[in-house]
Amino acid sequence: MRKCAWRCWLSIAILGFAAGCGRVPGAATGGGGSSPPSAQFSLTIRDTPPSNVSVLAFGIQVTGAVLQPGNVSLLSSGNSVQLELTQLQTEATLLSSLSVPAGNYTSLTVTFANPKLTILNSANSAIAGCAAGAVCQFTPLISPLSTTFSTGPNFPLTLLQSVPAGFELDLDLNSIIQLDLSLNLAAANAVTLTQLPAAQANSQLADLNDVRGTVQSVASNQFTMVQSNGTSLTVNANSSTLFVFPSSTCPANNFTCVAVGQLLETDLSLLGNGSLVAKLVELTQPPAVGSQIIQGTIVSLSGSPVTSLQLAAHDVQPNSSSVSAGNLVTVNLQNTATFQAATRNFTFPGGLSFASQADLITGQEIQVRVAGAVTPGTPPSFTTDQLILVPSQVTALVFTINLGAASFTINGLQPFFTNAIPTPINQITEQTSSQTIFENLATSNLTSLAAGNQISVEGWFFKTPSAPTPATMVTFKVRGRSILH
């Protein structure tokens, strides 16, 4: 088989920190006039998927990010951060943001551990013990565990108080992933570091969209939420924050709707000073004692109408030992299960539906609520009484463009789509609108695209059997990657 083509971007932003500015929980600050100057570090990560095997879930821990001299850890309290990379094709996620001593540094070492893969082997033969056509979960070997940057244009590095700086760490998994699916961080061009444009302390450094968490506390125009990996985030709201709460739940539809125990989907701005400001706050689940929500991609469907499905779990709220990110789980549907879409205040065109079992299709990203208990097994299983459609992320090639219809089609999809049962998906229609975000492209509209462009798209995935393509994505974001020749 060909080596997997997958790239991850770990952005390490090194920011000047002014005392008294807001910050992400865990950030350390000086305590008085004698405190040394400090600089703010903010870490984010994104990825791109492979070929021949479809990576349905990819979990890995960042166990260290350390500047020398001084063993200055960039991870809050020295904690490791658990990541699920398949949800980072169009979005970045925050690893940590905390202040460190300003000064001179000679190297940066980043350490990883505990990779976990769930794959669909679409090759014609077994790979690493995974049979052709099978979905397998395993723990690949990784060697070495860390990579160090100490030369080139980036080091030695001088951090000055109130002088922002930034770097991007590029993990090219096309080089890292070997033929046996082991991971080699020492492979040629596997990991590179480049400088990012400077950011002002009070301006946006990065977009952090699709950030999910359970509200732990609420203050004045501020709330704290905990992600499934245990990371606690303090989020500020302002007059520009958009709230999306059902009128039946909270007619006010403003900050007063935020309450302890809610599961929220948020779009955040990470500022140069390390603070987080909410652009959008959407309620996906009200407070419910003992309720567990699992988000993942539909891998397969069973029954006509559908009575059960297999889900590759990407996020579990709250975290538990029964199901974790990366698990393949069987979900049985109650006859009275409800269906809805988390819209993020996005306008959907007519003719698209997510209202019943008939609207399910392989590749949809959904949240399901566990009704009752999880039954242990391989895979574990449970019954759901609620399914919520949330944005999926796909990396593929532009095939055709229809400027008049504000749409385009993509092909060159992962085998996960093209081999889907009962409906193979060789092309997807991408329906854009004035709300669609175009990122990393020459212009902020469809004129930036041409056939053969490699892009990542994010949006709501609808089954459209009577349309030219079997699936249509209401496109929230288009992110440019490269042009293939």
Protein backbone atom coordinates (compact mmCIF):
# COMPACT_ATOMS: atom_id res chain seq x y z
CA MET A 1 0.00 0.00 0.00
CA ARG A 2 1.05 3.63 -0.29
CA LYS A 3 2.23 5.34 2.85
CA CYS A 4 -0.53 7.28 4.61
CA ALA A 5 -0.72 10.96 3.64
CA TRP A 6 -1.69 12.89 6.75
CA ARG A 7 -0.38 16.18 8.09
CA CYS A 8 -0.85 17.72 11.54
CA TRP A 9 -0.20 21.33 12.45
CA LEU A 10 0.78 22.12 16.03
CA SER A 11 0.87 25.90 16.33
CA ILE A 12 2.96 27.22 19.18
CA ALA A 13 2.26 30.92 19.60
CA ILE A 14 4.70 32.80 21.82
CA LEU A 15 3.05 35.98 22.99
CA GLY A 16 4.05 38.99 25.04
CA PHE A 17 1.91 39.10 28.18
CA ALA A 18 0.82 42.31 29.88
CA ALA A 19 0.10 41.95 33.59
CA GLY A 20 -3.58 42.14 34.42
CA CYS A 21 -4.88 40.82 31.05
CA GLY A 22 -7.36 37.95 30.99
CA ARG A 23 -5.89 34.49 30.54
CA VAL A 24 -6.73 30.83 30.10
CA PRO A 25 -7.00 28.96 33.42
CA GLY A 26 -3.66 27.63 34.52
CA ALA A 27 -1.71 30.61 33.22
CA ALA A 28 0.90 31.84 35.67
CA THR A 29 1.42 35.54 36.25
CA GLY A 30 3.79 37.67 38.30
CA GLY A 31 2.68 38.61 41.79
CA GLY A 32 4.14 42.09 42.22
CA GLY A 33 6.56 44.76 41.13
CA SER A 34 9.59 42.49 41.65
CA SER A 35 8.26 39.75 39.37
CA PRO A 36 10.32 39.08 36.23
CA PRO A 37 8.77 39.88 32.84
CA SER A 38 6.77 37.08 31.24
CA ALA A 39 5.63 35.95 27.81
CA GLN A 40 2.46 34.04 26.86
CA PHE A 41 2.53 30.68 25.09
CA SER A 42 -0.59 29.34 23.33
CA LEU A 43 -0.59 25.93 21.64
CA THR A 44 -3.07 24.73 19.02
CA ILE A 45 -3.17 21.73 16.66
CA ARG A 46 -4.84 20.64 13.39
CA ASP A 47 -4.55 17.75 10.91
CA THR A 48 -5.20 16.28 7.44
CA PRO A 49 -6.27 12.65 6.72
CA PRO A 50 -4.50 9.74 4.94
CA SER A 51 -5.14 7.48 1.92
CA ASN A 52 -5.66 3.69 1.58
CA VAL A 53 -6.66 3.40 5.22
CA SER A 54 -9.41 5.61 6.57
CA VAL A 55 -8.49 6.88 10.01
CA LEU A 56 -11.82 7.03 11.81
CA ALA A 57 -10.30 8.18 15.09
CA PHE A 58 -6.75 9.09 16.08
CA GLY A 59 -6.01 9.87 19.69
CA ILE A 60 -2.61 10.94 20.99
CA GLN A 61 -1.23 12.67 24.06
CA VAL A 62 1.07 15.67 24.06
CA THR A 63 2.99 14.92 27.25
CA GLY A 64 5.52 17.73 27.09
CA ALA A 65 6.51 20.96 25.37
CA VAL A 66 9.60 22.33 27.06
CA LEU A 67 11.88 25.31 26.42
CA GLN A 68 15.53 25.19 27.43
CA PRO A 69 17.37 26.38 29.39
CA GLY A 70 15.31 26.22 32.53
CA ASN A 71 13.00 23.27 31.75
CA VAL A 72 10.18 25.74 31.08
CA SER A 73 7.03 23.68 30.48
CA LEU A 74 4.45 25.09 28.09
CA LEU A 75 1.74 22.71 29.33
CA SER A 76 -0.36 23.97 32.22
CA SER A 77 0.87 22.49 35.53
CA GLY A 78 2.96 20.04 33.50
CA ASN A 79 -0.18 18.06 32.58
CA SER A 80 -0.45 16.04 29.37
CA VAL A 81 -3.20 16.88 26.89
CA GLN A 82 -5.26 14.19 25.14
CA LEU A 83 -6.17 15.00 21.54
CA GLU A 84 -8.49 13.47 18.94
CA LEU A 85 -6.99 14.56 15.63
CA THR A 86 -9.66 13.63 13.08
CA GLN A 87 -11.75 16.60 14.23
CA LEU A 88 -8.98 19.09 13.45
CA GLN A 89 -8.96 19.12 9.65
CA THR A 90 -10.54 22.58 9.46
CA GLU A 91 -10.31 23.72 13.09
CA ALA A 92 -7.61 24.24 15.66
CA THR A 93 -7.85 23.19 19.28
CA LEU A 94 -6.17 24.75 22.29
CA LEU A 95 -3.53 22.69 24.05
CA SER A 96 -2.52 25.29 26.62
CA SER A 97 -1.93 28.98 27.19
CA LEU A 98 0.22 30.16 30.08
CA SER A 99 2.85 32.76 30.82
CA VAL A 100 6.52 31.83 31.01
CA PRO A 101 9.64 33.85 31.86
CA ALA A 102 10.82 36.21 29.15
CA GLY A 103 14.44 35.65 28.16
CA ASN A 104 16.75 33.70 25.88
CA TYR A 105 16.03 30.09 24.87
CA THR A 106 18.12 27.66 22.88
CA SER A 107 15.69 24.82 22.14
CA LEU A 108 12.13 23.50 22.18
CA THR A 109 11.31 19.82 22.77
CA VAL A 110 7.82 18.42 22.13
CA THR A 111 6.96 14.92 23.40
CA PHE A 112 4.09 12.61 22.42
CA ALA A 113 2.72 9.34 23.83
CA ASN A 114 -0.07 6.78 23.69
CA PRO A 115 -1.27 7.02 20.08
CA LYS A 116 -4.50 5.13 19.41
CA LEU A 117 -5.89 4.45 15.96
CA THR A 118 -9.27 3.28 14.72
CA ILE A 119 -9.02 2.53 11.00
CA LEU A 120 -11.00 1.12 8.10
CA ASN A 121 -8.55 -0.93 6.04
CA SER A 122 -9.57 -0.35 2.42
CA ALA A 123 -6.49 -2.02 0.97
CA ASN A 124 -6.67 -5.43 -0.69
CA SER A 125 -4.68 -7.14 2.04
CA ALA A 126 -4.15 -7.06 5.79
CA ILE A 127 -2.27 -4.12 7.31
CA ALA A 128 -0.67 -4.50 10.74
CA GLY A 129 -2.97 -7.45 11.43
CA CYS A 130 -6.11 -5.62 10.31
CA ALA A 131 -7.93 -7.64 7.64
CA ALA A 132 -8.90 -6.09 4.30
CA GLY A 133 -12.24 -4.29 4.65
CA ALA A 134 -12.19 -4.48 8.46
CA VAL A 135 -12.51 -1.74 11.07
CA CYS A 136 -9.74 -2.18 13.64
CA GLN A 137 -8.56 -0.46 16.78
CA PHE A 138 -4.94 -0.69 17.88
CA THR A 139 -2.07 1.13 19.53
CA PRO A 140 0.79 1.80 17.07
CA LEU A 141 4.41 2.01 18.15
CA ILE A 142 5.93 5.51 18.19
CA SER A 143 9.68 6.16 18.11
CA PRO A 144 11.29 8.42 19.09
CA LEU A 145 8.80 9.95 21.51
CA SER A 146 10.01 13.52 21.11
CA THR A 147 11.47 16.00 18.66
CA THR A 148 13.78 18.91 19.47
CA PHE A 149 14.35 22.20 17.63
CA SER A 150 17.63 23.94 18.41
CA THR A 151 18.97 25.31 15.12
CA GLY A 152 17.85 27.13 12.01
CA PRO A 153 16.06 30.48 11.84
CA ASN A 154 14.06 29.95 15.06
CA PHE A 155 16.76 29.30 17.68
CA PRO A 156 18.30 30.81 19.67
CA LEU A 157 15.04 32.54 20.61
CA THR A 158 14.61 35.72 22.62
CA LEU A 159 11.22 36.42 24.27
CA LEU A 160 10.61 40.01 25.24
CA GLN A 161 7.83 41.25 27.48
CA SER A 162 4.88 42.64 25.46
CA VAL A 163 6.49 41.62 22.12
CA PRO A 164 4.28 38.94 20.50
CA ALA A 165 5.84 36.14 18.48
CA GLY A 166 4.54 32.81 17.15
CA PHE A 167 5.60 29.48 15.67
CA GLU A 168 3.87 26.62 13.89
CA LEU A 169 4.95 23.02 14.34
CA ASP A 170 4.14 20.93 11.26
CA LEU A 171 3.79 17.17 11.71
CA ASP A 172 3.68 15.54 8.26
CA LEU A 173 2.15 12.14 8.86
CA ASN A 174 2.83 11.18 5.27
CA SER A 175 6.41 10.88 6.52
CA ILE A 176 5.65 9.87 10.11
CA ILE A 177 3.28 6.95 9.43
CA GLN A 178 5.21 3.91 8.20
CA LEU A 179 4.01 0.99 6.06
CA ASP A 180 3.28 -1.07 9.18
CA LEU A 181 1.36 1.91 10.67
CA SER A 182 4.05 2.58 13.26
CA LEU A 183 4.96 6.25 13.83
CA ASN A 184 8.48 7.60 13.25
CA LEU A 185 9.01 11.19 14.38
CA ALA A 186 12.62 11.06 13.14
CA ALA A 187 11.68 10.44 9.49
CA ALA A 188 12.89 13.00 6.95
CA ASN A 189 10.72 16.15 6.96
CA ALA A 190 8.43 14.58 9.57
CA VAL A 191 8.40 17.59 11.90
CA THR A 192 9.21 21.19 10.99
CA LEU A 193 8.93 24.56 12.74
CA THR A 194 8.10 27.86 11.07
CA GLN A 195 7.45 31.36 12.42
CA LEU A 196 3.91 32.75 12.44
CA PRO A 197 2.86 36.36 11.85
CA ALA A 198 2.98 38.42 15.02
CA ALA A 199 -0.24 39.04 16.97
CA GLN A 200 -1.12 41.97 19.21
CA ALA A 201 -1.90 41.18 22.85
CA ASN A 202 -5.56 42.22 22.54
CA SER A 203 -6.18 40.98 19.01
CA GLN A 204 -7.16 37.54 17.78
CA LEU A 205 -4.37 35.02 17.50
CA ALA A 206 -6.46 32.02 16.45
CA ASP A 207 -9.98 30.80 15.78
CA LEU A 208 -11.00 27.90 18.01
CA ASN A 209 -14.28 26.59 16.64
CA ASP A 210 -16.36 23.57 17.68
CA VAL A 211 -15.06 23.70 21.25
CA ARG A 212 -17.32 21.53 23.41
CA GLY A 213 -17.49 21.47 27.18
CA THR A 214 -19.71 21.12 30.23
CA VAL A 215 -20.31 24.31 32.18
CA GLN A 216 -18.79 24.13 35.66
CA SER A 217 -19.32 27.68 36.91
CA VAL A 218 -20.88 30.96 35.79
CA ALA A 219 -19.81 34.51 36.70
CA SER A 220 -20.53 37.94 35.26
CA ASN A 221 -20.19 37.61 31.46
CA GLN A 222 -17.84 34.68 32.01
CA PHE A 223 -18.18 30.93 32.43
CA THR A 224 -15.83 28.00 32.94
CA MET A 225 -16.32 24.77 31.02
CA VAL A 226 -14.49 21.46 31.11
CA GLN A 227 -13.69 19.55 27.92
CA SER A 228 -13.79 15.76 27.71
CA ASN A 229 -9.98 15.62 27.98
CA GLY A 230 -10.20 17.38 31.36
CA THR A 231 -8.97 20.77 30.13
CA SER A 232 -10.72 23.65 31.89
CA LEU A 233 -11.38 26.82 29.88
CA THR A 234 -12.53 30.20 31.14
CA VAL A 235 -14.63 31.88 28.42
CA ASN A 236 -15.55 35.57 28.30
CA ALA A 237 -18.67 36.89 26.58
CA ASN A 238 -19.19 40.38 25.22
CA SER A 239 -21.75 42.37 23.24
CA SER A 240 -20.71 40.58 20.03
CA THR A 241 -21.23 37.06 21.37
CA LEU A 242 -24.02 35.21 19.55
CA PHE A 243 -26.16 32.88 21.68
CA VAL A 244 -28.13 30.01 20.15
CA PHE A 245 -30.60 28.67 22.74
CA PRO A 246 -34.02 27.20 21.86
CA SER A 247 -36.87 29.56 22.75
CA SER A 248 -38.50 26.72 24.67
CA THR A 249 -35.41 26.44 26.87
CA CYS A 250 -34.45 30.10 27.33
CA PRO A 251 -36.49 32.77 25.48
CA ALA A 252 -33.98 35.50 26.43
CA ASN A 253 -31.31 33.87 24.23
CA ASN A 254 -28.45 35.75 25.87
CA PHE A 255 -25.79 35.19 28.53
CA THR A 256 -28.44 34.66 31.23
CA CYS A 257 -29.22 31.33 29.53
CA VAL A 258 -25.83 29.85 30.44
CA ALA A 259 -26.13 27.47 33.42
CA VAL A 260 -24.04 24.92 35.27
CA GLY A 261 -24.30 21.41 33.81
CA GLN A 262 -25.09 22.44 30.24
CA LEU A 263 -23.15 20.92 27.35
CA LEU A 264 -22.19 23.82 25.08
CA GLU A 265 -20.74 24.05 21.58
CA THR A 266 -18.69 27.24 21.28
CA ASP A 267 -16.69 29.20 18.73
CA LEU A 268 -13.89 31.08 20.47
CA SER A 269 -11.27 33.73 19.73
CA LEU A 270 -7.92 33.12 21.37
CA LEU A 271 -6.41 36.55 21.99
CA GLY A 272 -2.75 37.39 22.12
CA ASN A 273 -2.91 37.85 25.89
CA GLY A 274 -4.14 34.25 26.30
CA SER A 275 -7.78 35.03 27.08
CA LEU A 276 -10.73 33.39 25.32
CA VAL A 277 -13.69 35.37 23.97
CA ALA A 278 -16.84 33.60 22.77
CA LYS A 279 -18.04 34.40 19.28
CA LEU A 280 -20.87 31.84 19.50
CA VAL A 281 -22.38 29.81 22.33
CA GLU A 282 -24.88 27.08 21.42
CA LEU A 283 -26.73 24.77 23.79
CA THR A 284 -26.57 21.14 22.67
CA GLN A 285 -27.69 19.51 25.93
CA PRO A 286 -29.43 20.98 29.00
CA PRO A 287 -28.26 19.91 32.46
CA ALA A 288 -29.13 16.26 33.08
CA VAL A 289 -27.88 14.23 36.03
CA GLY A 290 -26.11 11.09 34.80
CA SER A 291 -26.62 11.88 31.12
CA GLN A 292 -23.76 10.88 28.83
CA ILE A 293 -23.28 12.36 25.35
CA ILE A 294 -21.06 10.66 22.76
CA GLN A 295 -20.07 12.33 19.49
CA GLY A 296 -18.60 10.50 16.54
CA THR A 297 -18.76 9.55 12.87
CA ILE A 298 -21.24 6.98 11.56
CA VAL A 299 -19.17 4.05 10.27
CA SER A 300 -21.98 1.71 9.20
CA LEU A 301 -25.76 1.34 9.34
CA SER A 302 -27.87 -1.77 9.98
CA GLY A 303 -31.53 -2.46 9.25
CA SER A 304 -34.11 -0.97 6.91
CA PRO A 305 -35.28 1.29 8.41
CA VAL A 306 -32.09 1.70 10.44
CA THR A 307 -32.27 0.04 13.84
CA SER A 308 -28.60 0.37 14.82
CA LEU A 309 -25.36 1.97 13.71
CA GLN A 310 -21.66 1.82 14.45
CA LEU A 311 -20.02 5.00 15.63
CA ALA A 312 -16.32 5.91 15.86
CA ALA A 313 -16.32 7.98 19.05
CA HIS A 314 -14.53 11.34 18.95
CA ASP A 315 -15.76 13.00 22.13
CA VAL A 316 -17.40 11.74 25.34
CA GLN A 317 -19.12 14.09 27.79
CA PRO A 318 -18.61 13.54 30.65
CA ASN A 319 -15.52 11.39 30.36
CA SER A 320 -16.00 7.81 31.55
CA SER A 321 -14.38 4.38 31.55
CA SER A 322 -17.24 2.77 29.60
CA VAL A 323 -16.55 4.61 26.31
CA SER A 324 -13.60 6.81 25.38
CA ALA A 325 -12.50 8.74 22.29
CA GLY A 326 -11.28 6.30 19.65
CA ASN A 327 -13.67 3.51 20.62
CA LEU A 328 -15.92 1.88 18.05
CA VAL A 329 -19.39 1.56 19.61
CA THR A 330 -22.71 0.04 18.56
CA VAL A 331 -25.67 2.38 18.98
CA ASN A 332 -29.19 0.95 19.05
CA LEU A 333 -31.98 3.37 18.18
CA GLN A 334 -35.14 3.62 20.25
CA ASN A 335 -38.31 3.64 18.16
CA THR A 336 -39.12 7.03 19.69
CA ALA A 337 -35.61 8.50 19.26
CA THR A 338 -35.64 12.19 18.30
CA PHE A 339 -33.60 13.77 15.50
CA GLN A 340 -32.40 17.36 15.21
CA ALA A 341 -29.50 19.48 13.87
CA ALA A 342 -27.29 21.81 15.89
CA THR A 343 -27.43 24.75 13.49
CA ARG A 344 -24.90 27.21 15.01
CA ASN A 345 -27.31 29.87 13.72
CA PHE A 346 -26.51 28.77 10.16
CA THR A 347 -29.25 28.98 7.53
CA PHE A 348 -29.94 25.65 5.81
CA PRO A 349 -31.32 25.57 2.26
CA GLY A 350 -34.68 23.88 1.68
CA GLY A 351 -35.06 20.22 0.84
CA LEU A 352 -32.58 18.88 3.41
CA SER A 353 -33.73 16.76 6.31
CA PHE A 354 -32.43 15.11 9.46
CA ALA A 355 -35.70 13.99 11.00
CA SER A 356 -35.72 10.17 11.04
CA GLN A 357 -33.75 6.96 10.45
CA ALA A 358 -34.26 7.49 6.70
CA ASP A 359 -31.96 10.54 6.84
CA LEU A 360 -28.92 8.68 8.22
CA ILE A 361 -25.89 8.09 6.00
CA THR A 362 -22.32 6.89 6.56
CA GLY A 363 -19.97 9.77 7.30
CA GLN A 364 -22.34 11.94 9.31
CA GLU A 365 -20.97 13.39 12.54
CA ILE A 366 -23.61 13.04 15.24
CA GLN A 367 -24.08 13.42 18.98
CA VAL A 368 -26.06 10.64 20.64
CA ARG A 369 -27.43 10.57 24.17
CA VAL A 370 -27.00 7.32 26.08
CA ALA A 371 -30.38 6.04 27.32
CA GLY A 372 -29.67 3.64 30.17
CA ALA A 373 -26.31 1.96 30.64
CA VAL A 374 -23.44 1.06 28.31
CA THR A 375 -23.09 -2.69 27.80
CA PRO A 376 -19.42 -3.76 27.85
CA GLY A 377 -18.14 -5.70 24.86
CA THR A 378 -16.13 -5.50 21.65
CA PRO A 379 -17.49 -3.11 20.68
CA PRO A 380 -19.46 -1.74 23.66
CA SER A 381 -23.10 -0.94 22.93
CA PHE A 382 -25.92 1.22 24.22
CA THR A 383 -29.34 2.54 23.27
CA THR A 384 -29.96 6.16 22.31
CA ASP A 385 -33.10 8.26 22.52
CA GLN A 386 -31.63 11.34 20.79
CA LEU A 387 -29.48 12.00 17.71
CA ILE A 388 -28.13 15.48 16.88
CA LEU A 389 -26.44 16.24 13.56
CA VAL A 390 -23.27 18.33 13.98
CA PRO A 391 -20.67 19.44 11.39
CA SER A 392 -18.46 16.81 9.76
CA GLN A 393 -14.94 17.46 8.45
CA VAL A 394 -13.69 16.05 5.15
CA THR A 395 -10.47 16.51 3.16
CA ALA A 396 -10.71 15.89 -0.61
CA LEU A 397 -10.23 17.41 -4.08
CA VAL A 398 -12.32 20.02 -5.83
CA PHE A 399 -14.03 18.35 -8.82
CA THR A 400 -16.49 20.83 -10.35
CA ILE A 401 -17.57 24.40 -9.49
CA ASN A 402 -20.97 26.01 -10.08
CA LEU A 403 -20.61 29.72 -9.35
CA GLY A 404 -24.27 30.41 -10.20
CA ALA A 405 -25.47 27.94 -7.59
CA ALA A 406 -22.74 28.90 -5.09
CA SER A 407 -21.77 25.23 -4.90
CA PHE A 408 -19.00 22.84 -5.87
CA THR A 409 -18.44 19.11 -5.78
CA ILE A 410 -15.54 17.20 -4.23
CA ASN A 411 -14.09 13.80 -5.06
CA GLY A 412 -10.90 11.94 -4.25
CA LEU A 413 -12.55 10.95 -0.97
CA GLN A 414 -11.14 8.53 1.57
CA PRO A 415 -12.06 4.87 0.96
CA PHE A 416 -14.28 5.17 4.03
CA PHE A 417 -16.74 7.08 1.81
CA THR A 418 -16.24 5.32 -1.52
CA ASN A 419 -16.68 1.87 0.06
CA ALA A 420 -19.62 2.85 2.29
CA ILE A 421 -22.47 0.36 2.61
CA PRO A 422 -25.28 0.54 1.58
CA THR A 423 -24.55 3.87 -0.20
CA PRO A 424 -21.07 4.40 -1.72
CA ILE A 425 -20.17 8.11 -1.78
CA ASN A 426 -17.80 9.06 -4.61
CA GLN A 427 -18.73 12.75 -4.74
CA ILE A 428 -20.23 15.25 -2.31
CA THR A 429 -22.00 18.49 -3.21
CA GLU A 430 -20.74 21.43 -1.13
CA GLN A 431 -23.42 24.11 -0.79
CA THR A 432 -21.97 27.46 0.26
CA SER A 433 -23.59 30.75 1.25
CA SER A 434 -22.69 34.19 2.55
CA GLN A 435 -22.13 32.54 5.93
CA THR A 436 -19.44 30.17 4.62
CA ILE A 437 -15.90 30.92 5.83
CA PHE A 438 -13.07 30.62 3.26
CA GLU A 439 -9.70 30.19 4.97
CA ASN A 440 -6.13 29.92 3.73
CA LEU A 441 -7.27 30.86 0.20
CA ALA A 442 -6.58 33.83 -2.07
CA THR A 443 -10.14 35.19 -1.78
CA SER A 444 -13.07 34.61 0.56
CA ASN A 445 -15.35 33.03 -2.05
CA LEU A 446 -15.59 30.25 -4.62
CA THR A 447 -13.40 32.08 -7.13
CA SER A 448 -10.39 30.88 -5.11
CA LEU A 449 -11.09 27.28 -6.06
CA ALA A 450 -10.13 25.28 -9.14
CA ALA A 451 -10.46 21.64 -10.08
CA GLY A 452 -7.72 19.63 -8.41
CA ASN A 453 -7.35 21.89 -5.37
CA GLN A 454 -6.92 19.93 -2.17
CA ILE A 455 -9.18 21.38 0.52
CA SER A 456 -10.72 20.56 3.85
CA VAL A 457 -14.41 21.30 4.31
CA GLU A 458 -16.62 21.41 7.37
CA GLY A 459 -20.38 21.35 7.46
CA TRP A 460 -23.61 19.47 8.02
CA PHE A 461 -23.76 16.23 6.03
CA PHE A 462 -27.19 15.42 4.59
CA LYS A 463 -28.37 12.37 2.67
CA THR A 464 -29.68 13.48 -0.77
CA PRO A 465 -30.57 10.34 -2.75
CA SER A 466 -32.54 12.22 -5.42
CA ALA A 467 -29.77 14.79 -6.05
CA PRO A 468 -26.81 14.43 -8.45
CA THR A 469 -24.66 13.28 -5.51
CA PRO A 470 -25.77 10.94 -2.69
CA ALA A 471 -24.79 13.48 -0.05
CA THR A 472 -24.82 17.27 0.28
CA MET A 473 -22.83 19.25 2.82
CA VAL A 474 -24.09 22.63 3.98
CA THR A 475 -20.63 24.13 4.09
CA PHE A 476 -19.58 26.09 7.15
CA LYS A 477 -15.88 26.37 6.28
CA VAL A 478 -13.57 25.77 3.31
CA ARG A 479 -9.88 25.59 4.15
CA GLY A 480 -7.30 25.59 1.35
CA ARG A 481 -4.44 23.12 1.57
CA SER A 482 -2.60 22.68 -1.74
CA ILE A 483 -3.04 22.30 -5.50
CA LEU A 484 -2.33 18.86 -6.89
CA HIS A 485 -0.77 18.68 -10.39
